[in-house]
Amino acid sequence: MPLEANEKIVIPDENGEEHLFEVLYTFEVDDTKQSYIAVIPVDQSEEEQVDLYAFRYEESAEDDLSLFPIDSDEEWEIVEETLNTLIDEDELS
């Protein structure tokens, strides 16, 4: 089941506490052949300035979602460029 914009997902932090996030974007990057997700905390979605988090992700056949940190500066630059393009497109529409 592909993730959709505005869908809510729960992401545990390093202490195991679960936090609710809203999906802003999912996208694939041809250069890395990976899928990425950008989310914001639900409790911040009404604020003007929000924290945006991006992860590499994989979905299993059982619809389980696995998130992975973006480790390299090179990979982050590619993801950031794609996110900026998506945000700019949204602002124009």
PDB file of N, CA and C in Angstrom:
ATOM      1  N   MET A   1       0.839  -1.167   0.000  1.00  0.00           N
ATOM      2  CA  MET A   1       0.000   0.000   0.000  1.00  0.00           C
ATOM      3  C   MET A   1       0.892   1.242   0.000  1.00  0.00           C
ATOM      4  N   PRO A   2       0.918   1.999  -1.062  1.00  0.00           N
ATOM      5  CA  PRO A   2       1.770   3.193  -1.107  1.00  0.00           C
ATOM      6  C   PRO A   2       1.307   4.243  -0.109  1.00  0.00           C
ATOM      7  N   LEU A   3       2.254   4.958   0.431  1.00  0.00           N
ATOM      8  CA  LEU A   3       1.944   6.050   1.347  1.00  0.00           C
ATOM      9  C   LEU A   3       1.373   7.216   0.568  1.00  0.00           C
ATOM     10  N   GLU A   4       0.445   7.920   1.176  1.00  0.00           N
ATOM     11  CA  GLU A   4      -0.196   9.060   0.542  1.00  0.00           C
ATOM     12  C   GLU A   4       0.103  10.327   1.338  1.00  0.00           C
ATOM     13  N   ALA A   5       0.111  11.475   0.659  1.00  0.00           N
ATOM     14  CA  ALA A   5       0.248  12.754   1.338  1.00  0.00           C
ATOM     15  C   ALA A   5      -0.899  12.910   2.327  1.00  0.00           C
ATOM     16  N   ASN A   6      -0.616  13.523   3.458  1.00  0.00           N
ATOM     17  CA  ASN A   6      -1.559  13.762   4.551  1.00  0.00           C
ATOM     18  C   ASN A   6      -1.876  12.517   5.368  1.00  0.00           C
ATOM     19  N   GLU A   7      -1.331  11.371   4.995  1.00  0.00           N
ATOM     20  CA  GLU A   7      -1.515  10.162   5.789  1.00  0.00           C
ATOM     21  C   GLU A   7      -0.743  10.322   7.096  1.00  0.00           C
ATOM     22  N   LYS A   8      -1.239   9.726   8.161  1.00  0.00           N
ATOM     23  CA  LYS A   8      -0.591   9.788   9.463  1.00  0.00           C
ATOM     24  C   LYS A   8       0.157   8.481   9.716  1.00  0.00           C
ATOM     25  N   ILE A   9       1.388   8.612  10.228  1.00  0.00           N
ATOM     26  CA  ILE A   9       2.174   7.433  10.585  1.00  0.00           C
ATOM     27  C   ILE A   9       2.778   7.657  11.966  1.00  0.00           C
ATOM     28  N   VAL A  10       3.071   6.569  12.662  1.00  0.00           N
ATOM     29  CA  VAL A  10       3.693   6.630  13.976  1.00  0.00           C
ATOM     30  C   VAL A  10       5.154   6.236  13.819  1.00  0.00           C
ATOM     31  N   ILE A  11       6.036   7.091  14.377  1.00  0.00           N
ATOM     32  CA  ILE A  11       7.476   6.820  14.319  1.00  0.00           C
ATOM     33  C   ILE A  11       8.005   6.851  15.749  1.00  0.00           C
ATOM     34  N   PRO A  12       8.621   5.744  16.189  1.00  0.00           N
ATOM     35  CA  PRO A  12       9.209   5.752  17.534  1.00  0.00           C
ATOM     36  C   PRO A  12      10.540   6.509  17.535  1.00  0.00           C
ATOM     37  N   ASP A  13      10.833   7.185  18.652  1.00  0.00           N
ATOM     38  CA  ASP A  13      12.125   7.864  18.767  1.00  0.00           C
ATOM     39  C   ASP A  13      13.151   6.904  19.361  1.00  0.00           C
ATOM     40  N   GLU A  14      14.353   7.415  19.623  1.00  0.00           N
ATOM     41  CA  GLU A  14      15.431   6.561  20.131  1.00  0.00           C
ATOM     42  C   GLU A  14      15.126   5.987  21.515  1.00  0.00           C
ATOM     43  N   ASN A  15      14.157   6.565  22.242  1.00  0.00           N
ATOM     44  CA  ASN A  15      13.765   6.066  23.565  1.00  0.00           C
ATOM     45  C   ASN A  15      12.562   5.127  23.493  1.00  0.00           C
ATOM     46  N   GLY A  16      12.073   4.875  22.278  1.00  0.00           N
ATOM     47  CA  GLY A  16      10.927   3.999  22.106  1.00  0.00           C
ATOM     48  C   GLY A  16       9.586   4.699  22.228  1.00  0.00           C
ATOM     49  N   GLU A  17       9.595   6.014  22.498  1.00  0.00           N
ATOM     50  CA  GLU A  17       8.336   6.762  22.557  1.00  0.00           C
ATOM     51  C   GLU A  17       7.803   6.956  21.144  1.00  0.00           C
ATOM     52  N   GLU A  18       6.507   6.754  20.975  1.00  0.00           N
ATOM     53  CA  GLU A  18       5.901   6.877  19.657  1.00  0.00           C
ATOM     54  C   GLU A  18       5.372   8.286  19.428  1.00  0.00           C
ATOM     55  N   HIS A  19       5.593   8.801  18.218  1.00  0.00           N
ATOM     56  CA  HIS A  19       5.152  10.142  17.852  1.00  0.00           C
ATOM     57  C   HIS A  19       4.388  10.061  16.538  1.00  0.00           C
ATOM     58  N   LEU A  20       3.333  10.864  16.430  1.00  0.00           N
ATOM     59  CA  LEU A  20       2.490  10.867  15.238  1.00  0.00           C
ATOM     60  C   LEU A  20       3.001  11.922  14.254  1.00  0.00           C
ATOM     61  N   PHE A  21       3.180  11.516  13.006  1.00  0.00           N
ATOM     62  CA  PHE A  21       3.668  12.395  11.950  1.00  0.00           C
ATOM     63  C   PHE A  21       2.695  12.369  10.779  1.00  0.00           C
ATOM     64  N   GLU A  22       2.691  13.481  10.046  1.00  0.00           N
ATOM     65  CA  GLU A  22       1.896  13.577   8.821  1.00  0.00           C
ATOM     66  C   GLU A  22       2.840  13.497   7.628  1.00  0.00           C
ATOM     67  N   VAL A  23       2.491  12.668   6.662  1.00  0.00           N
ATOM     68  CA  VAL A  23       3.291  12.522   5.450  1.00  0.00           C
ATOM     69  C   VAL A  23       3.065  13.737   4.564  1.00  0.00           C
ATOM     70  N   LEU A  24       4.147  14.426   4.208  1.00  0.00           N
ATOM     71  CA  LEU A  24       4.050  15.546   3.265  1.00  0.00           C
ATOM     72  C   LEU A  24       4.315  15.081   1.848  1.00  0.00           C
ATOM     73  N   TYR A  25       5.389  14.344   1.682  1.00  0.00           N
ATOM     74  CA  TYR A  25       5.792  13.882   0.351  1.00  0.00           C
ATOM     75  C   TYR A  25       6.405  12.495   0.444  1.00  0.00           C
ATOM     76  N   THR A  26       6.196  11.721  -0.596  1.00  0.00           N
ATOM     77  CA  THR A  26       6.978  10.514  -0.846  1.00  0.00           C
ATOM     78  C   THR A  26       7.490  10.640  -2.270  1.00  0.00           C
ATOM     79  N   PHE A  27       8.707  10.215  -2.482  1.00  0.00           N
ATOM     80  CA  PHE A  27       9.288  10.340  -3.813  1.00  0.00           C
ATOM     81  C   PHE A  27      10.445   9.378  -3.968  1.00  0.00           C
ATOM     82  N   GLU A  28      10.754   9.087  -5.218  1.00  0.00           N
ATOM     83  CA  GLU A  28      11.911   8.264  -5.547  1.00  0.00           C
ATOM     84  C   GLU A  28      12.943   9.142  -6.225  1.00  0.00           C
ATOM     85  N   VAL A  29      14.196   8.825  -5.981  1.00  0.00           N
ATOM     86  CA  VAL A  29      15.291   9.572  -6.589  1.00  0.00           C
ATOM     87  C   VAL A  29      16.031   8.630  -7.527  1.00  0.00           C
ATOM     88  N   ASP A  30      16.060   9.009  -8.799  1.00  0.00           N
ATOM     89  CA  ASP A  30      16.698   8.162  -9.801  1.00  0.00           C
ATOM     90  C   ASP A  30      18.182   7.943  -9.507  1.00  0.00           C
ATOM     91  N   ASP A  31      18.875   8.990  -9.029  1.00  0.00           N
ATOM     92  CA  ASP A  31      20.314   8.877  -8.776  1.00  0.00           C
ATOM     93  C   ASP A  31      20.640   7.820  -7.733  1.00  0.00           C
ATOM     94  N   THR A  32      19.779   7.689  -6.723  1.00  0.00           N
ATOM     95  CA  THR A  32      20.062   6.737  -5.648  1.00  0.00           C
ATOM     96  C   THR A  32      19.254   5.450  -5.772  1.00  0.00           C
ATOM     97  N   LYS A  33      18.231   5.450  -6.624  1.00  0.00           N
ATOM     98  CA  LYS A  33      17.321   4.309  -6.791  1.00  0.00           C
ATOM     99  C   LYS A  33      16.652   3.948  -5.466  1.00  0.00           C
ATOM    100  N   GLN A  34      16.389   4.969  -4.642  1.00  0.00           N
ATOM    101  CA  GLN A  34      15.791   4.772  -3.327  1.00  0.00           C
ATOM    102  C   GLN A  34      14.489   5.562  -3.227  1.00  0.00           C
ATOM    103  N   SER A  35      13.651   5.169  -2.265  1.00  0.00           N
ATOM    104  CA  SER A  35      12.415   5.888  -1.967  1.00  0.00           C
ATOM    105  C   SER A  35      12.617   6.695  -0.701  1.00  0.00           C
ATOM    106  N   TYR A  36      12.007   7.883  -0.674  1.00  0.00           N
ATOM    107  CA  TYR A  36      12.152   8.788   0.467  1.00  0.00           C
ATOM    108  C   TYR A  36      10.799   9.284   0.911  1.00  0.00           C
ATOM    109  N   ILE A  37      10.742   9.678   2.175  1.00  0.00           N
ATOM    110  CA  ILE A  37       9.526  10.213   2.763  1.00  0.00           C
ATOM    111  C   ILE A  37       9.888  11.462   3.558  1.00  0.00           C
ATOM    112  N   ALA A  38       9.053  12.487   3.448  1.00  0.00           N
ATOM    113  CA  ALA A  38       9.206  13.713   4.239  1.00  0.00           C
ATOM    114  C   ALA A  38       7.971  13.839   5.114  1.00  0.00           C
ATOM    115  N   VAL A  39       8.196  14.028   6.414  1.00  0.00           N
ATOM    116  CA  VAL A  39       7.098  14.092   7.378  1.00  0.00           C
ATOM    117  C   VAL A  39       7.271  15.273   8.318  1.00  0.00           C
ATOM    118  N   ILE A  40       6.143  15.688   8.918  1.00  0.00           N
ATOM    119  CA  ILE A  40       6.178  16.706   9.973  1.00  0.00           C
ATOM    120  C   ILE A  40       5.404  16.166  11.168  1.00  0.00           C
ATOM    121  N   PRO A  41       5.798  16.578  12.376  1.00  0.00           N
ATOM    122  CA  PRO A  41       5.030  16.165  13.559  1.00  0.00           C
ATOM    123  C   PRO A  41       3.613  16.715  13.477  1.00  0.00           C
ATOM    124  N   VAL A  42       2.618  15.901  13.784  1.00  0.00           N
ATOM    125  CA  VAL A  42       1.223  16.320  13.706  1.00  0.00           C
ATOM    126  C   VAL A  42       0.958  17.498  14.627  1.00  0.00           C
ATOM    127  N   ASP A  43       1.569  17.514  15.793  1.00  0.00           N
ATOM    128  CA  ASP A  43       1.300  18.600  16.735  1.00  0.00           C
ATOM    129  C   ASP A  43       1.893  19.930  16.281  1.00  0.00           C
ATOM    130  N   GLN A  44       2.682  19.933  15.210  1.00  0.00           N
ATOM    131  CA  GLN A  44       3.245  21.170  14.678  1.00  0.00           C
ATOM    132  C   GLN A  44       2.615  21.571  13.347  1.00  0.00           C
ATOM    133  N   SER A  45       1.707  20.780  12.824  1.00  0.00           N
ATOM    134  CA  SER A  45       1.199  21.008  11.466  1.00  0.00           C
ATOM    135  C   SER A  45       0.467  22.329  11.302  1.00  0.00           C
ATOM    136  N   GLU A  46      -0.010  22.933  12.397  1.00  0.00           N
ATOM    137  CA  GLU A  46      -0.733  24.204  12.300  1.00  0.00           C
ATOM    138  C   GLU A  46       0.185  25.415  12.496  1.00  0.00           C
ATOM    139  N   GLU A  47       1.431  25.173  12.884  1.00  0.00           N
ATOM    140  CA  GLU A  47       2.357  26.274  13.134  1.00  0.00           C
ATOM    141  C   GLU A  47       2.945  26.780  11.823  1.00  0.00           C
ATOM    142  N   GLU A  48       3.425  28.018  11.853  1.00  0.00           N
ATOM    143  CA  GLU A  48       4.018  28.607  10.656  1.00  0.00           C
ATOM    144  C   GLU A  48       5.337  27.935  10.298  1.00  0.00           C
ATOM    145  N   GLN A  49       6.185  27.743  11.277  1.00  0.00           N
ATOM    146  CA  GLN A  49       7.486  27.100  11.051  1.00  0.00           C
ATOM    147  C   GLN A  49       7.446  25.714  11.695  1.00  0.00           C
ATOM    148  N   VAL A  50       7.682  24.683  10.915  1.00  0.00           N
ATOM    149  CA  VAL A  50       7.619  23.317  11.428  1.00  0.00           C
ATOM    150  C   VAL A  50       8.930  22.601  11.169  1.00  0.00           C
ATOM    151  N   ASP A  51       9.165  21.562  11.952  1.00  0.00           N
ATOM    152  CA  ASP A  51      10.322  20.698  11.736  1.00  0.00           C
ATOM    153  C   ASP A  51       9.955  19.668  10.689  1.00  0.00           C
ATOM    154  N   LEU A  52      10.737  19.579   9.643  1.00  0.00           N
ATOM    155  CA  LEU A  52      10.519  18.600   8.584  1.00  0.00           C
ATOM    156  C   LEU A  52      11.588  17.527   8.711  1.00  0.00           C
ATOM    157  N   TYR A  53      11.176  16.274   8.659  1.00  0.00           N
ATOM    158  CA  TYR A  53      12.095  15.144   8.759  1.00  0.00           C
ATOM    159  C   TYR A  53      12.020  14.338   7.470  1.00  0.00           C
ATOM    160  N   ALA A  54      13.164  13.882   6.998  1.00  0.00           N
ATOM    161  CA  ALA A  54      13.208  13.056   5.791  1.00  0.00           C
ATOM    162  C   ALA A  54      13.936  11.760   6.103  1.00  0.00           C
ATOM    163  N   PHE A  55      13.433  10.684   5.531  1.00  0.00           N
ATOM    164  CA  PHE A  55      14.009   9.358   5.712  1.00  0.00           C
ATOM    165  C   PHE A  55      14.003   8.620   4.386  1.00  0.00           C
ATOM    166  N   ARG A  56      14.924   7.685   4.242  1.00  0.00           N
ATOM    167  CA  ARG A  56      14.836   6.705   3.174  1.00  0.00           C
ATOM    168  C   ARG A  56      13.896   5.634   3.704  1.00  0.00           C
ATOM    169  N   TYR A  57      13.035   5.082   2.849  1.00  0.00           N
ATOM    170  CA  TYR A  57      12.116   4.070   3.352  1.00  0.00           C
ATOM    171  C   TYR A  57      11.969   2.906   2.387  1.00  0.00           C
ATOM    172  N   GLU A  58      11.523   1.790   2.964  1.00  0.00           N
ATOM    173  CA  GLU A  58      11.191   0.592   2.199  1.00  0.00           C
ATOM    174  C   GLU A  58       9.888   0.044   2.753  1.00  0.00           C
ATOM    175  N   GLU A  59       9.041  -0.433   1.854  1.00  0.00           N
ATOM    176  CA  GLU A  59       7.800  -1.085   2.260  1.00  0.00           C
ATOM    177  C   GLU A  59       7.921  -2.564   1.953  1.00  0.00           C
ATOM    178  N   SER A  60       7.505  -3.396   2.910  1.00  0.00           N
ATOM    179  CA  SER A  60       7.553  -4.832   2.703  1.00  0.00           C
ATOM    180  C   SER A  60       6.239  -5.320   2.110  1.00  0.00           C
ATOM    181  N   ALA A  61       6.210  -6.570   1.735  1.00  0.00           N
ATOM    182  CA  ALA A  61       5.002  -7.160   1.158  1.00  0.00           C
ATOM    183  C   ALA A  61       3.846  -7.137   2.158  1.00  0.00           C
ATOM    184  N   GLU A  62       4.160  -7.094   3.453  1.00  0.00           N
ATOM    185  CA  GLU A  62       3.127  -7.075   4.494  1.00  0.00           C
ATOM    186  C   GLU A  62       2.696  -5.645   4.829  1.00  0.00           C
ATOM    187  N   ASP A  63       3.063  -4.678   4.000  1.00  0.00           N
ATOM    188  CA  ASP A  63       2.754  -3.262   4.226  1.00  0.00           C
ATOM    189  C   ASP A  63       3.445  -2.686   5.448  1.00  0.00           C
ATOM    190  N   ASP A  64       4.533  -3.331   5.877  1.00  0.00           N
ATOM    191  CA  ASP A  64       5.343  -2.763   6.952  1.00  0.00           C
ATOM    192  C   ASP A  64       6.247  -1.700   6.360  1.00  0.00           C
ATOM    193  N   LEU A  65       6.427  -0.637   7.095  1.00  0.00           N
ATOM    194  CA  LEU A  65       7.251   0.478   6.657  1.00  0.00           C
ATOM    195  C   LEU A  65       8.535   0.483   7.475  1.00  0.00           C
ATOM    196  N   SER A  66       9.671   0.474   6.799  1.00  0.00           N
ATOM    197  CA  SER A  66      10.970   0.564   7.469  1.00  0.00           C
ATOM    198  C   SER A  66      11.609   1.887   7.073  1.00  0.00           C
ATOM    199  N   LEU A  67      11.982   2.683   8.079  1.00  0.00           N
ATOM    200  CA  LEU A  67      12.629   3.972   7.850  1.00  0.00           C
ATOM    201  C   LEU A  67      14.113   3.860   8.148  1.00  0.00           C
ATOM    202  N   PHE A  68      14.914   4.564   7.343  1.00  0.00           N
ATOM    203  CA  PHE A  68      16.358   4.557   7.508  1.00  0.00           C
ATOM    204  C   PHE A  68      16.863   5.994   7.465  1.00  0.00           C
ATOM    205  N   PRO A  69      17.822   6.320   8.319  1.00  0.00           N
ATOM    206  CA  PRO A  69      18.356   7.687   8.296  1.00  0.00           C
ATOM    207  C   PRO A  69      19.115   7.949   7.002  1.00  0.00           C
ATOM    208  N   ILE A  70      19.155   9.205   6.623  1.00  0.00           N
ATOM    209  CA  ILE A  70      19.956   9.623   5.473  1.00  0.00           C
ATOM    210  C   ILE A  70      21.335   9.948   6.020  1.00  0.00           C
ATOM    211  N   ASP A  71      22.291   9.083   5.710  1.00  0.00           N
ATOM    212  CA  ASP A  71      23.591   9.143   6.367  1.00  0.00           C
ATOM    213  C   ASP A  71      24.606  10.062   5.707  1.00  0.00           C
ATOM    214  N   SER A  72      24.635  10.066   4.401  1.00  0.00           N
ATOM    215  CA  SER A  72      25.717  10.799   3.739  1.00  0.00           C
ATOM    216  C   SER A  72      25.276  12.203   3.344  1.00  0.00           C
ATOM    217  N   ASP A  73      26.234  13.105   3.328  1.00  0.00           N
ATOM    218  CA  ASP A  73      25.958  14.477   2.888  1.00  0.00           C
ATOM    219  C   ASP A  73      25.511  14.497   1.434  1.00  0.00           C
ATOM    220  N   GLU A  74      26.112  13.639   0.625  1.00  0.00           N
ATOM    221  CA  GLU A  74      25.773  13.580  -0.800  1.00  0.00           C
ATOM    222  C   GLU A  74      24.309  13.159  -0.988  1.00  0.00           C
ATOM    223  N   GLU A  75      23.892  12.129  -0.264  1.00  0.00           N
ATOM    224  CA  GLU A  75      22.511  11.671  -0.368  1.00  0.00           C
ATOM    225  C   GLU A  75      21.557  12.756   0.153  1.00  0.00           C
ATOM    226  N   TRP A  76      21.924  13.413   1.265  1.00  0.00           N
ATOM    227  CA  TRP A  76      21.067  14.465   1.810  1.00  0.00           C
ATOM    228  C   TRP A  76      20.913  15.614   0.819  1.00  0.00           C
ATOM    229  N   GLU A  77      21.980  15.999   0.126  1.00  0.00           N
ATOM    230  CA  GLU A  77      21.896  17.082  -0.860  1.00  0.00           C
ATOM    231  C   GLU A  77      20.909  16.739  -1.968  1.00  0.00           C
ATOM    232  N   ILE A  78      20.916  15.494  -2.415  1.00  0.00           N
ATOM    233  CA  ILE A  78      19.991  15.057  -3.459  1.00  0.00           C
ATOM    234  C   ILE A  78      18.551  15.121  -2.950  1.00  0.00           C
ATOM    235  N   VAL A  79      18.334  14.637  -1.740  1.00  0.00           N
ATOM    236  CA  VAL A  79      16.997  14.641  -1.145  1.00  0.00           C
ATOM    237  C   VAL A  79      16.529  16.074  -0.911  1.00  0.00           C
ATOM    238  N   GLU A  80      17.399  16.919  -0.389  1.00  0.00           N
ATOM    239  CA  GLU A  80      17.043  18.315  -0.126  1.00  0.00           C
ATOM    240  C   GLU A  80      16.676  19.046  -1.417  1.00  0.00           C
ATOM    241  N   GLU A  81      17.418  18.803  -2.476  1.00  0.00           N
ATOM    242  CA  GLU A  81      17.118  19.432  -3.764  1.00  0.00           C
ATOM    243  C   GLU A  81      15.746  18.990  -4.271  1.00  0.00           C
ATOM    244  N   THR A  82      15.446  17.707  -4.150  1.00  0.00           N
ATOM    245  CA  THR A  82      14.149  17.194  -4.579  1.00  0.00           C
ATOM    246  C   THR A  82      13.023  17.787  -3.731  1.00  0.00           C
ATOM    247  N   LEU A  83      13.226  17.851  -2.413  1.00  0.00           N
ATOM    248  CA  LEU A  83      12.218  18.437  -1.532  1.00  0.00           C
ATOM    249  C   LEU A  83      11.962  19.899  -1.871  1.00  0.00           C
ATOM    250  N   ASN A  84      13.016  20.647  -2.113  1.00  0.00           N
ATOM    251  CA  ASN A  84      12.851  22.063  -2.478  1.00  0.00           C
ATOM    252  C   ASN A  84      12.035  22.207  -3.756  1.00  0.00           C
ATOM    253  N   THR A  85      12.269  21.343  -4.719  1.00  0.00           N
ATOM    254  CA  THR A  85      11.501  21.367  -5.966  1.00  0.00           C
ATOM    255  C   THR A  85      10.032  21.063  -5.695  1.00  0.00           C
ATOM    256  N   LEU A  86       9.762  20.044  -4.878  1.00  0.00           N
ATOM    257  CA  LEU A  86       8.377  19.687  -4.554  1.00  0.00           C
ATOM    258  C   LEU A  86       7.669  20.818  -3.808  1.00  0.00           C
ATOM    259  N   ILE A  87       8.355  21.430  -2.871  1.00  0.00           N
ATOM    260  CA  ILE A  87       7.770  22.534  -2.104  1.00  0.00           C
ATOM    261  C   ILE A  87       7.476  23.718  -3.022  1.00  0.00           C
ATOM    262  N   ASP A  88       8.429  24.053  -3.911  1.00  0.00           N
ATOM    263  CA  ASP A  88       8.219  25.143  -4.863  1.00  0.00           C
ATOM    264  C   ASP A  88       7.033  24.882  -5.764  1.00  0.00           C
ATOM    265  N   GLU A  89       6.884  23.645  -6.237  1.00  0.00           N
ATOM    266  CA  GLU A  89       5.745  23.285  -7.091  1.00  0.00           C
ATOM    267  C   GLU A  89       4.437  23.449  -6.345  1.00  0.00           C
ATOM    268  N   ASP A  90       4.408  23.051  -5.058  1.00  0.00           N
ATOM    269  CA  ASP A  90       3.192  23.196  -4.260  1.00  0.00           C
ATOM    270  C   ASP A  90       2.824  24.665  -4.063  1.00  0.00           C
ATOM    271  N   GLU A  91       3.824  25.498  -3.877  1.00  0.00           N
ATOM    272  CA  GLU A  91       3.561  26.925  -3.648  1.00  0.00           C
ATOM    273  C   GLU A  91       3.020  27.596  -4.904  1.00  0.00           C
ATOM    274  N   LEU A  92       3.397  27.081  -6.069  1.00  0.00           N
ATOM    275  CA  LEU A  92       2.927  27.654  -7.323  1.00  0.00           C
ATOM    276  C   LEU A  92       1.512  27.218  -7.688  1.00  0.00           C
ATOM    277  N   SER A  93       1.079  26.103  -7.123  1.00  0.00           N
ATOM    278  CA  SER A  93      -0.260  25.617  -7.486  1.00  0.00           C
ATOM    279  C   SER A  93      -1.326  26.075  -6.539  1.00  0.00           C
TER     280      SER A  93
END
